[in-house]
N, C-alpha and C. Protein backbone atom coordinates (compact mmCIF):
# COMPACT_ATOMS: atom_id res chain seq x y z
N MET A 1 85.20 -55.82 -71.72
CA MET A 1 83.89 -56.44 -71.16
C MET A 1 84.29 -57.23 -70.17
N ASP A 2 84.49 -57.37 -69.08
CA ASP A 2 84.07 -58.30 -67.41
C ASP A 2 83.80 -60.00 -68.05
N ASP A 3 84.83 -60.36 -67.87
CA ASP A 3 84.54 -61.92 -68.01
C ASP A 3 83.68 -62.44 -67.19
N THR A 4 83.55 -61.93 -66.15
CA THR A 4 82.64 -62.60 -65.16
C THR A 4 81.55 -62.00 -64.41
N THR A 5 80.96 -61.29 -65.49
CA THR A 5 80.04 -60.34 -65.62
C THR A 5 78.45 -61.58 -65.12
N ILE A 6 77.50 -61.48 -64.22
CA ILE A 6 76.77 -63.27 -64.10
C ILE A 6 75.51 -62.38 -65.08
N ASN A 7 74.90 -63.49 -65.90
CA ASN A 7 73.70 -63.07 -65.86
C ASN A 7 72.32 -63.87 -65.75
N PRO A 8 71.49 -63.37 -65.22
CA PRO A 8 70.15 -63.41 -64.83
C PRO A 8 69.77 -64.77 -64.96
N SER A 9 70.18 -65.58 -65.75
CA SER A 9 69.54 -66.60 -65.80
C SER A 9 70.50 -67.55 -64.92
N LEU A 10 71.84 -67.36 -64.84
CA LEU A 10 72.79 -68.23 -64.19
C LEU A 10 72.63 -67.72 -62.89
N GLU A 11 72.53 -66.12 -62.52
CA GLU A 11 72.25 -65.99 -61.23
C GLU A 11 70.55 -66.52 -60.71
N PHE A 12 69.92 -67.06 -61.08
CA PHE A 12 68.42 -67.57 -61.35
C PHE A 12 69.22 -69.52 -60.74
N THR A 13 70.15 -69.47 -61.34
CA THR A 13 70.64 -70.82 -61.04
C THR A 13 71.35 -71.38 -59.80
N PHE A 14 72.26 -70.58 -59.48
CA PHE A 14 72.59 -70.11 -58.22
C PHE A 14 71.49 -70.16 -56.87
N ARG A 15 70.87 -69.63 -57.20
CA ARG A 15 69.32 -69.14 -56.24
C ARG A 15 68.40 -70.42 -56.25
N LEU A 16 68.41 -71.21 -57.37
CA LEU A 16 67.57 -72.34 -57.95
C LEU A 16 69.07 -73.27 -56.42
N ALA A 17 70.07 -73.83 -56.80
CA ALA A 17 70.73 -74.56 -56.28
C ALA A 17 70.80 -73.95 -54.86
N ARG A 18 71.25 -73.13 -54.89
CA ARG A 18 70.80 -72.82 -52.94
C ARG A 18 69.74 -73.08 -52.13
N ALA A 19 68.60 -72.67 -52.66
CA ALA A 19 67.02 -73.13 -52.78
C ALA A 19 67.00 -74.71 -52.30
N GLN A 20 67.48 -75.51 -53.78
CA GLN A 20 67.06 -76.61 -53.19
C GLN A 20 68.21 -77.92 -52.19
N ALA A 21 69.48 -77.13 -52.26
CA ALA A 21 69.96 -77.82 -51.25
C ALA A 21 69.60 -77.14 -49.44
N ALA A 22 68.92 -76.50 -49.43
CA ALA A 22 67.84 -75.79 -48.09
C ALA A 22 67.40 -76.66 -47.56
N LEU A 23 66.27 -76.75 -48.95
CA LEU A 23 64.52 -78.00 -48.59
C LEU A 23 65.29 -79.23 -48.64
N VAL A 24 66.22 -79.73 -49.25
CA VAL A 24 66.72 -81.11 -49.10
C VAL A 24 67.42 -80.97 -47.83
N ARG A 25 68.27 -80.17 -47.11
CA ARG A 25 69.03 -80.50 -46.17
C ARG A 25 68.14 -80.44 -44.73
N ARG A 26 66.70 -79.78 -45.27
CA ARG A 26 65.57 -79.94 -44.28
C ARG A 26 64.59 -80.97 -43.83
N LEU A 27 64.22 -81.34 -45.57
CA LEU A 27 63.48 -82.12 -45.27
C LEU A 27 64.14 -83.81 -44.74
N ASP A 28 65.46 -83.99 -45.35
CA ASP A 28 66.54 -84.87 -45.06
C ASP A 28 66.50 -84.64 -43.12
N GLN A 29 66.53 -83.74 -42.72
CA GLN A 29 66.38 -83.09 -41.15
C GLN A 29 65.17 -84.25 -40.74
N VAL A 30 64.24 -83.80 -40.92
CA VAL A 30 62.43 -84.07 -40.51
C VAL A 30 62.51 -85.21 -40.94
N LEU A 31 62.36 -86.10 -41.65
CA LEU A 31 62.45 -87.23 -42.20
C LEU A 31 63.30 -88.25 -41.95
N GLY A 32 64.25 -88.09 -41.72
CA GLY A 32 65.03 -89.08 -41.10
C GLY A 32 65.29 -89.20 -39.56
N GLY A 33 64.59 -87.98 -39.27
CA GLY A 33 64.28 -87.53 -37.14
C GLY A 33 63.23 -89.13 -37.54
N TYR A 34 61.80 -88.64 -38.01
CA TYR A 34 60.64 -89.12 -37.68
C TYR A 34 60.65 -90.51 -38.10
N HIS A 35 60.75 -90.79 -39.01
CA HIS A 35 60.41 -92.33 -40.27
C HIS A 35 62.00 -92.57 -40.60
N GLY A 36 62.99 -92.29 -40.12
CA GLY A 36 64.21 -92.88 -40.58
C GLY A 36 64.62 -92.74 -42.09
N ILE A 37 64.31 -91.85 -43.27
CA ILE A 37 64.96 -92.56 -44.70
C ILE A 37 65.30 -90.62 -44.85
N SER A 38 65.57 -90.64 -46.08
CA SER A 38 66.03 -89.51 -46.41
C SER A 38 64.82 -88.80 -47.42
N PHE A 39 64.76 -87.92 -47.44
CA PHE A 39 63.89 -86.71 -48.69
C PHE A 39 63.85 -87.66 -50.34
N SER A 40 65.72 -87.96 -50.72
CA SER A 40 65.32 -89.12 -51.81
C SER A 40 65.35 -90.33 -51.60
N ASP A 41 64.63 -90.57 -50.42
CA ASP A 41 64.44 -91.91 -50.49
C ASP A 41 62.20 -91.58 -49.76
N PHE A 42 61.80 -90.94 -49.32
CA PHE A 42 60.85 -90.74 -49.77
C PHE A 42 60.14 -90.49 -51.11
N MET A 43 60.94 -89.54 -51.79
CA MET A 43 60.31 -89.19 -53.52
C MET A 43 60.70 -90.52 -54.26
N LEU A 44 61.17 -91.43 -54.10
CA LEU A 44 61.09 -92.89 -54.61
C LEU A 44 60.24 -93.51 -53.68
N LEU A 45 59.74 -93.64 -52.75
CA LEU A 45 58.25 -94.36 -52.27
C LEU A 45 57.40 -93.36 -52.79
N HIS A 46 57.82 -92.22 -53.27
CA HIS A 46 56.29 -91.41 -53.34
C HIS A 46 55.98 -91.63 -55.27
N HIS A 47 57.14 -91.70 -55.85
CA HIS A 47 57.30 -92.47 -57.65
C HIS A 47 56.31 -93.75 -57.61
N LEU A 48 56.85 -94.66 -56.83
CA LEU A 48 56.38 -95.86 -56.85
C LEU A 48 55.01 -96.10 -56.49
N HIS A 49 54.44 -95.57 -55.61
CA HIS A 49 53.45 -95.14 -55.07
C HIS A 49 52.38 -94.78 -56.02
N ARG A 50 53.02 -93.78 -56.88
CA ARG A 50 51.86 -93.29 -57.81
C ARG A 50 51.66 -94.21 -59.32
N ALA A 51 52.46 -94.69 -59.46
CA ALA A 51 52.90 -95.71 -60.43
C ALA A 51 52.00 -96.44 -60.52
N PRO A 52 51.63 -96.55 -61.68
CA PRO A 52 50.50 -98.00 -62.09
C PRO A 52 51.13 -99.24 -61.36
N GLY A 53 50.04 -99.98 -60.44
CA GLY A 53 50.73 -101.05 -59.81
C GLY A 53 51.83 -100.78 -58.97
N GLY A 54 52.28 -99.93 -58.17
CA GLY A 54 53.18 -99.06 -57.29
C GLY A 54 54.19 -100.08 -57.61
N ARG A 55 54.72 -100.09 -59.37
CA ARG A 55 55.68 -100.51 -59.26
C ARG A 55 56.53 -99.74 -60.83
N LEU A 56 57.84 -99.75 -60.91
CA LEU A 56 58.75 -98.81 -61.30
C LEU A 56 60.01 -99.98 -62.25
N ARG A 57 60.12 -99.56 -63.85
CA ARG A 57 61.17 -100.09 -63.95
C ARG A 57 62.45 -99.39 -63.41
N ARG A 58 63.69 -99.77 -63.23
CA ARG A 58 65.18 -99.10 -62.03
C ARG A 58 65.10 -97.81 -63.17
N VAL A 59 64.84 -98.11 -64.31
CA VAL A 59 65.40 -97.19 -65.56
C VAL A 59 64.60 -96.21 -65.58
N ASP A 60 63.09 -96.21 -64.99
CA ASP A 60 62.13 -95.43 -64.91
C ASP A 60 62.21 -94.29 -64.03
N LEU A 61 62.49 -95.74 -63.08
CA LEU A 61 62.92 -94.66 -61.84
C LEU A 61 63.99 -94.03 -61.53
N ALA A 62 64.96 -94.40 -62.33
CA ALA A 62 65.82 -93.25 -61.69
C ALA A 62 65.94 -91.76 -63.34
N GLU A 63 65.01 -91.89 -63.89
CA GLU A 63 64.55 -90.55 -64.32
C GLU A 63 63.72 -89.87 -64.23
N ARG A 64 62.76 -90.61 -63.19
CA ARG A 64 62.15 -89.51 -62.32
C ARG A 64 62.97 -88.75 -61.03
N GLN A 65 63.87 -89.72 -60.26
CA GLN A 65 65.00 -89.31 -59.56
C GLN A 65 65.69 -88.49 -59.60
N GLY A 66 66.06 -87.99 -61.22
CA GLY A 66 67.12 -87.42 -61.67
C GLY A 66 68.64 -88.07 -61.11
N LEU A 67 68.63 -89.48 -61.34
CA LEU A 67 70.17 -90.48 -60.74
C LEU A 67 70.20 -91.51 -61.94
N THR A 68 71.64 -91.79 -61.57
CA THR A 68 71.70 -92.76 -62.99
C THR A 68 71.26 -94.26 -62.53
N ALA A 69 70.23 -95.09 -63.50
CA ALA A 69 70.33 -96.84 -62.84
C ALA A 69 71.14 -97.23 -61.81
N SER A 70 72.27 -96.88 -62.02
CA SER A 70 73.30 -97.37 -60.68
C SER A 70 73.08 -96.74 -59.77
N GLY A 71 72.77 -95.55 -59.67
CA GLY A 71 72.28 -94.57 -58.29
C GLY A 71 71.07 -95.18 -57.79
N VAL A 72 70.08 -95.42 -58.67
CA VAL A 72 68.56 -95.78 -58.38
C VAL A 72 69.18 -97.46 -57.44
N THR A 73 69.95 -98.22 -58.03
CA THR A 73 70.27 -99.76 -57.43
C THR A 73 70.62 -99.44 -55.60
N ARG A 74 71.61 -98.21 -55.77
CA ARG A 74 72.18 -97.84 -54.82
C ARG A 74 71.04 -97.86 -53.37
N THR A 75 70.54 -96.69 -54.06
CA THR A 75 68.98 -95.86 -53.09
C THR A 75 68.16 -97.09 -52.53
N LEU A 76 67.82 -98.22 -53.91
CA LEU A 76 67.47 -98.97 -53.45
C LEU A 76 67.43 -100.29 -52.35
N LEU A 77 68.70 -100.81 -52.36
CA LEU A 77 69.19 -101.55 -51.79
C LEU A 77 68.73 -101.64 -50.50
N PRO A 78 69.09 -100.64 -49.45
CA PRO A 78 68.77 -100.55 -47.78
C PRO A 78 66.91 -100.49 -47.93
N LEU A 79 66.65 -100.03 -48.90
CA LEU A 79 64.90 -99.81 -48.74
C LEU A 79 64.26 -101.20 -48.90
N GLU A 80 65.32 -102.06 -49.43
CA GLU A 80 64.69 -103.42 -49.93
C GLU A 80 64.96 -104.29 -48.20
N LYS A 81 65.63 -103.87 -47.76
CA LYS A 81 66.27 -104.53 -46.53
C LYS A 81 65.72 -104.68 -45.81
N ILE A 82 64.85 -103.02 -45.14
CA ILE A 82 64.20 -102.62 -44.20
C ILE A 82 62.54 -103.33 -44.53
N GLY A 83 62.49 -103.57 -45.65
CA GLY A 83 61.47 -104.08 -46.66
C GLY A 83 60.09 -102.87 -46.99
N LEU A 84 60.79 -101.74 -47.48
CA LEU A 84 60.28 -100.64 -47.87
C LEU A 84 59.47 -100.88 -49.12
N VAL A 85 60.43 -101.50 -49.77
CA VAL A 85 60.34 -101.61 -51.62
C VAL A 85 60.79 -103.31 -51.77
N GLU A 86 60.71 -103.75 -52.87
CA GLU A 86 60.77 -105.38 -53.32
C GLU A 86 61.06 -105.45 -54.88
N ARG A 87 61.71 -106.25 -55.12
CA ARG A 87 62.16 -106.53 -56.62
C ARG A 87 60.65 -107.35 -56.68
N GLN A 88 60.78 -106.93 -58.11
CA GLN A 88 59.96 -108.48 -58.95
C GLN A 88 60.06 -108.21 -60.27
N GLN A 89 59.85 -109.49 -60.88
CA GLN A 89 60.43 -110.09 -62.06
C GLN A 89 58.99 -109.84 -62.91
N ASP A 90 59.63 -109.39 -64.23
CA ASP A 90 58.37 -109.59 -64.91
C ASP A 90 58.10 -110.71 -65.89
N PRO A 91 57.07 -111.48 -65.31
CA PRO A 91 56.18 -112.53 -66.02
C PRO A 91 56.65 -113.45 -67.25
N ARG A 92 56.84 -111.62 -68.01
CA ARG A 92 56.50 -112.05 -69.65
C ARG A 92 58.17 -111.75 -69.70
N ASP A 93 58.98 -111.49 -69.24
CA ASP A 93 60.24 -111.00 -69.79
C ASP A 93 61.28 -111.25 -68.45
N ALA A 94 61.82 -111.99 -68.37
CA ALA A 94 63.00 -112.28 -67.20
C ALA A 94 63.90 -110.82 -67.21
N ARG A 95 63.97 -110.74 -68.16
CA ARG A 95 64.99 -109.32 -67.95
C ARG A 95 64.92 -108.74 -67.66
N VAL A 96 63.71 -108.35 -67.34
CA VAL A 96 62.78 -106.51 -66.99
C VAL A 96 62.49 -106.89 -65.06
N ALA A 97 63.18 -106.28 -64.78
CA ALA A 97 63.33 -106.11 -62.94
C ALA A 97 62.24 -105.02 -62.60
N TYR A 98 61.52 -104.72 -61.46
CA TYR A 98 60.74 -103.43 -61.09
C TYR A 98 61.12 -103.85 -59.82
N ALA A 99 60.90 -102.64 -59.41
CA ALA A 99 60.98 -101.81 -58.22
C ALA A 99 59.46 -101.88 -57.85
N ALA A 100 58.85 -102.36 -56.90
CA ALA A 100 57.96 -101.99 -55.78
C ALA A 100 57.41 -101.70 -55.05
N ILE A 101 57.02 -101.08 -54.66
CA ILE A 101 56.14 -100.23 -53.05
C ILE A 101 55.58 -101.70 -52.54
N THR A 102 56.01 -101.88 -51.25
CA THR A 102 55.05 -103.22 -50.43
C THR A 102 54.40 -102.23 -49.53
N ASP A 103 53.73 -103.06 -48.38
CA ASP A 103 52.85 -101.86 -47.99
C ASP A 103 53.34 -101.59 -46.90
N THR A 104 54.52 -101.76 -46.22
CA THR A 104 55.19 -100.61 -44.88
C THR A 104 55.34 -99.85 -46.33
N GLY A 105 56.41 -99.99 -47.14
CA GLY A 105 56.18 -98.82 -47.75
C GLY A 105 55.64 -97.95 -47.63
N ARG A 106 54.08 -98.27 -47.99
CA ARG A 106 52.96 -97.32 -48.19
C ARG A 106 52.74 -96.35 -47.05
N GLU A 107 52.49 -97.73 -46.20
CA GLU A 107 52.22 -97.09 -44.49
C GLU A 107 53.33 -96.19 -44.48
N LEU A 108 54.49 -96.25 -44.78
CA LEU A 108 55.22 -95.09 -44.38
C LEU A 108 55.66 -94.33 -44.75
N LEU A 109 54.85 -94.17 -46.33
CA LEU A 109 54.75 -93.08 -47.09
C LEU A 109 53.78 -92.06 -46.70
N THR A 110 52.72 -92.63 -46.17
CA THR A 110 51.47 -92.53 -45.82
C THR A 110 51.72 -91.06 -44.51
N ASN A 111 52.60 -91.99 -43.67
CA ASN A 111 52.84 -91.33 -42.30
C ASN A 111 53.85 -90.30 -43.16
N ALA A 112 54.85 -90.25 -43.50
CA ALA A 112 55.62 -89.12 -44.25
C ALA A 112 55.15 -87.80 -44.94
N VAL A 113 54.51 -88.55 -45.39
CA VAL A 113 53.71 -87.56 -46.38
C VAL A 113 53.09 -86.09 -45.40
N THR A 114 52.46 -86.39 -44.43
CA THR A 114 52.24 -85.32 -43.20
C THR A 114 53.09 -84.53 -42.89
N VAL A 115 53.73 -85.14 -42.57
CA VAL A 115 55.80 -84.63 -41.90
C VAL A 115 56.01 -83.86 -43.55
N ALA A 116 56.03 -84.48 -44.30
CA ALA A 116 57.05 -83.37 -45.49
C ALA A 116 56.19 -82.44 -45.83
N ASN A 117 54.77 -83.13 -45.69
CA ASN A 117 53.67 -81.09 -46.40
C ASN A 117 53.59 -80.04 -45.12
N GLN A 118 53.72 -80.82 -43.76
CA GLN A 118 54.17 -79.39 -43.05
C GLN A 118 55.59 -78.65 -43.20
N ILE A 119 56.52 -79.46 -43.41
CA ILE A 119 57.83 -78.61 -43.83
C ILE A 119 58.25 -77.94 -44.84
N SER A 120 57.52 -78.42 -46.17
CA SER A 120 57.30 -78.08 -47.51
C SER A 120 56.93 -76.28 -47.36
N LYS A 121 55.21 -76.38 -46.26
CA LYS A 121 54.67 -75.51 -46.06
C LYS A 121 54.97 -74.13 -45.15
N ASP A 122 56.06 -74.75 -44.13
CA ASP A 122 56.92 -73.48 -43.36
C ASP A 122 57.77 -72.93 -44.04
N LEU A 123 58.42 -74.24 -44.93
CA LEU A 123 60.05 -73.39 -46.04
C LEU A 123 59.08 -72.56 -46.60
N LEU A 124 58.19 -72.87 -47.57
CA LEU A 124 57.82 -71.81 -48.66
C LEU A 124 56.22 -71.07 -48.09
N ARG A 125 56.40 -71.00 -46.56
CA ARG A 125 55.68 -69.71 -45.87
C ARG A 125 55.64 -68.46 -46.68
N ASN A 126 56.67 -67.89 -46.91
CA ASN A 126 56.53 -66.34 -47.06
C ASN A 126 56.99 -66.40 -48.87
N CYS A 127 56.75 -67.56 -49.57
CA CYS A 127 56.47 -67.27 -51.41
C CYS A 127 55.01 -67.40 -51.25
N PRO A 128 54.97 -66.17 -52.13
CA PRO A 128 53.35 -66.09 -52.67
C PRO A 128 52.83 -67.59 -53.08
N ALA A 129 51.86 -67.30 -52.71
CA ALA A 129 50.95 -68.59 -53.31
C ALA A 129 50.66 -68.35 -54.19
N ALA A 130 50.26 -67.43 -55.23
CA ALA A 130 50.02 -67.28 -56.21
C ALA A 130 51.37 -67.10 -57.75
N GLN A 131 51.58 -67.36 -56.78
CA GLN A 131 53.93 -67.79 -57.74
C GLN A 131 53.54 -69.28 -58.16
N PHE A 132 52.97 -69.83 -56.60
CA PHE A 132 53.23 -71.44 -57.28
C PHE A 132 53.62 -71.55 -58.87
N ASP A 133 51.85 -71.62 -59.12
CA ASP A 133 51.96 -72.48 -60.02
C ASP A 133 53.11 -72.23 -61.54
N ASP A 134 53.52 -70.97 -61.25
CA ASP A 134 54.56 -70.32 -62.97
C ASP A 134 55.62 -71.20 -62.08
N LEU A 135 55.93 -71.11 -60.85
CA LEU A 135 56.90 -71.34 -60.43
C LEU A 135 57.33 -72.91 -61.08
N SER A 136 56.34 -74.15 -60.63
CA SER A 136 56.59 -74.65 -60.43
C SER A 136 56.73 -75.82 -61.58
N ASN A 137 56.11 -74.57 -62.87
CA ASN A 137 55.97 -74.91 -64.43
C ASN A 137 57.62 -74.76 -64.68
N ALA A 138 58.47 -73.84 -64.82
CA ALA A 138 59.31 -73.35 -64.58
C ALA A 138 60.06 -74.25 -64.61
N LEU A 139 60.14 -75.08 -63.50
CA LEU A 139 60.70 -75.78 -62.43
C LEU A 139 60.91 -77.01 -63.08
N ALA A 140 59.42 -77.57 -63.86
CA ALA A 140 59.27 -78.86 -64.46
C ALA A 140 59.92 -78.61 -66.20
N LEU A 141 59.66 -77.00 -66.14
CA LEU A 141 60.23 -77.07 -68.18
C LEU A 141 61.71 -76.57 -67.45
N ILE A 142 62.81 -77.02 -66.99
CA ILE A 142 63.86 -77.05 -66.15
C ILE A 142 64.59 -78.34 -66.09
N ALA A 143 63.66 -79.42 -65.51
CA ALA A 143 63.72 -80.74 -65.10
C ALA A 143 63.52 -81.50 -66.30
N GLY A 144 62.84 -81.43 -67.11
CA GLY A 144 62.36 -82.14 -67.97
C GLY A 144 60.95 -82.83 -67.93
N ILE A 145 60.32 -82.28 -67.02
CA ILE A 145 59.56 -83.05 -66.58
C ILE A 145 57.81 -82.90 -67.47
N ASN A 146 56.93 -83.99 -67.67
CA ASN A 146 56.38 -83.83 -68.73
C ASN A 146 54.93 -85.21 -67.99
N ALA A 147 54.08 -85.13 -68.52
CA ALA A 147 52.58 -85.66 -68.31
C ALA A 147 53.36 -87.84 -67.83
N SER A 148 54.44 -88.06 -69.00
CA SER A 148 54.63 -89.15 -68.80
C SER A 148 55.83 -89.65 -67.75
N ASN A 149 56.41 -88.68 -67.02
CA ASN A 149 57.11 -88.75 -66.24
C ASN A 149 57.47 -88.22 -64.41
N ALA A 150 56.17 -87.58 -64.86
CA ALA A 150 56.53 -86.43 -63.27
C ALA A 150 56.21 -87.49 -62.22
């Protein structure tokens, strides 16, 4: 038996990784050119915007981003400097800090969504629309996404 035989699950994993790299590369390029942010920054702003009160604890944001807490902190610093997000303390517990989207961040996100929607549509133009739900559900299972951390 050949120890280098690739099973369908591993082949899917390779293709998924390659597709993810292509998607991120293109979105980084366009979002950076038009709005000065990366796709990772865009996702972070999106998660904050969707959160109750427009804010999340850093640990919750890390889970949604698929990063470590220190990775989120490194991502937030430049966004804080340019006024897209801000730190907020919990008035009931000084140990808890939130990252919150600012009005400037909301405005940039609104404009960037238009660009990201168009790029995503273009990148996925050859994928049958009827398969989107099944593919999206499969990816959610892989990523451990559920209603509480979408």
